[in-house]
Protein backbone atom coordinates (compact mmCIF):
# COMPACT_ATOMS: atom_id res chain seq x y z
CA MET A 1 75.72 -31.15 -42.51
CA GLU A 2 72.39 -30.42 -44.14
CA SER A 3 70.68 -29.82 -40.78
CA THR A 4 73.47 -27.43 -39.76
CA ARG A 5 72.98 -25.45 -42.94
CA TRP A 6 69.22 -25.40 -42.41
CA THR A 7 69.68 -24.26 -38.80
CA VAL A 8 72.04 -21.45 -39.77
CA LEU A 9 69.78 -20.24 -42.59
CA SER A 10 66.67 -20.34 -40.42
CA GLY A 11 68.53 -18.46 -37.68
CA LEU A 12 69.66 -15.77 -40.09
CA GLY A 13 66.15 -15.51 -41.50
CA ALA A 14 64.64 -15.22 -38.05
CA MET A 15 67.17 -12.58 -37.00
CA GLY A 16 66.43 -10.60 -40.15
CA ALA A 17 62.70 -10.88 -39.48
CA VAL A 18 63.21 -9.71 -35.90
CA ALA A 19 65.29 -6.74 -37.03
CA LEU A 20 62.71 -5.75 -39.63
CA ALA A 21 59.78 -6.26 -37.28
CA SER A 22 61.40 -4.35 -34.43
CA ALA A 23 61.78 -1.37 -36.72
CA ILE A 24 58.10 -1.61 -37.70
CA TRP A 25 56.37 -2.92 -34.59
CA PRO A 26 58.08 -4.05 -31.36
CA ASN A 27 55.37 -6.58 -30.41
CA VAL A 28 55.94 -8.48 -33.66
CA ALA A 29 59.64 -8.68 -32.84
CA ALA A 30 58.82 -10.30 -29.49
CA VAL A 31 56.61 -12.91 -31.14
CA VAL A 32 59.14 -13.72 -33.86
CA SER A 33 62.02 -14.00 -31.39
CA GLY A 34 59.86 -16.24 -29.17
CA LEU A 35 59.15 -18.51 -32.14
CA PHE A 36 62.84 -18.56 -33.01
CA VAL A 37 63.80 -19.60 -29.48
CA THR A 38 61.11 -22.30 -29.53
CA VAL A 39 62.40 -23.70 -32.83
CA LEU A 40 65.97 -23.77 -31.53
CA LEU A 41 64.88 -25.56 -28.35
CA VAL A 42 62.92 -28.17 -30.28
CA MET A 43 65.79 -28.73 -32.70
CA SER A 44 68.18 -29.36 -29.81
CA VAL A 45 65.89 -31.29 -27.44
CA VAL A 46 64.54 -33.83 -29.95
CA PRO A 47 67.94 -35.31 -30.95
CA VAL A 48 69.02 -35.41 -27.29
CA ALA A 49 65.81 -37.22 -26.32
CA LEU A 50 66.19 -39.73 -29.15
CA ALA A 51 69.82 -40.36 -28.22
CA GLY A 52 68.83 -40.89 -24.59
CA ARG A 53 66.17 -43.37 -25.62
CA TRP A 54 68.64 -45.28 -27.79
CA ILE A 55 71.23 -45.35 -24.98
CA ARG A 56 68.67 -46.69 -22.48
CA GLY A 57 67.70 -49.43 -24.93
CA GLU A 58 71.32 -50.31 -25.55
CA LEU A 59 72.05 -50.55 -21.83
CA ALA A 60 68.98 -52.70 -21.23
CA TRP A 61 70.04 -55.01 -24.05
CA ARG A 62 73.52 -55.37 -22.51
CA ARG A 63 72.04 -56.09 -19.05
CA GLU A 64 69.88 -58.78 -20.63
CA LEU A 65 72.91 -60.35 -22.29
CA ARG A 66 74.84 -60.37 -19.00
CA ALA A 67 71.87 -62.01 -17.25
CA LEU A 68 71.93 -64.92 -19.70
CA GLY A 69 75.28 -66.08 -18.39
CA PRO A 70 78.25 -67.54 -20.21
CA VAL A 71 77.82 -70.08 -22.99
CA SER A 72 79.90 -73.24 -22.85
CA ALA A 73 82.06 -74.27 -25.79
CA GLU A 74 79.86 -77.32 -26.48
CA GLN A 75 76.73 -75.19 -26.69
CA ALA A 76 78.41 -72.70 -28.98
CA VAL A 77 79.55 -75.40 -31.43
CA ALA A 78 76.55 -77.74 -31.38
CA PRO A 79 73.59 -76.40 -29.41
CA GLU A 80 71.17 -78.90 -27.95
CA PRO A 81 67.93 -79.28 -29.91
CA VAL A 82 64.86 -77.65 -28.43
CA ALA A 83 62.36 -80.21 -29.73
CA PRO A 84 62.79 -84.00 -29.54
CA THR A 85 63.96 -85.79 -32.65
CA LEU A 86 61.87 -88.42 -34.48
CA ALA A 87 64.05 -91.21 -33.05
CA GLU A 88 63.39 -89.98 -29.51
CA LEU A 89 59.66 -89.83 -30.17
CA ARG A 90 59.63 -93.41 -31.53
CA GLU A 91 61.56 -94.68 -28.51
CA SER A 92 59.14 -93.06 -26.07
CA ALA A 93 56.05 -94.49 -27.82
C-alpha cells in the first residue's frame, strides 16, 4: 500500500514537473519524462525479477525433494543413526 502511494505521488510530481518544464523549456520536459519512464520501469522490473528468482528457487527445491524419493514409515518414526553407537564400536574392537 505504501509503495502504491509513493508511486502515485512520484508520478503526479513528475507529471507536474513535465508540464512546468514544457512551458519553460521543451528539452527539460524530455529529460524529466525520460527519467520518469526510467523510474517506472525500474519499479516494475525489480519486483518481477525478484519474484522470478524466488520461483526458480522454489521449483529447484521441489525437484530436489522429488529426487530424494519416498521415505518409509520406519525411517519416518525412528531413523537409522548415521554414526555407530558405542556398543557397536566396542564389539568391532
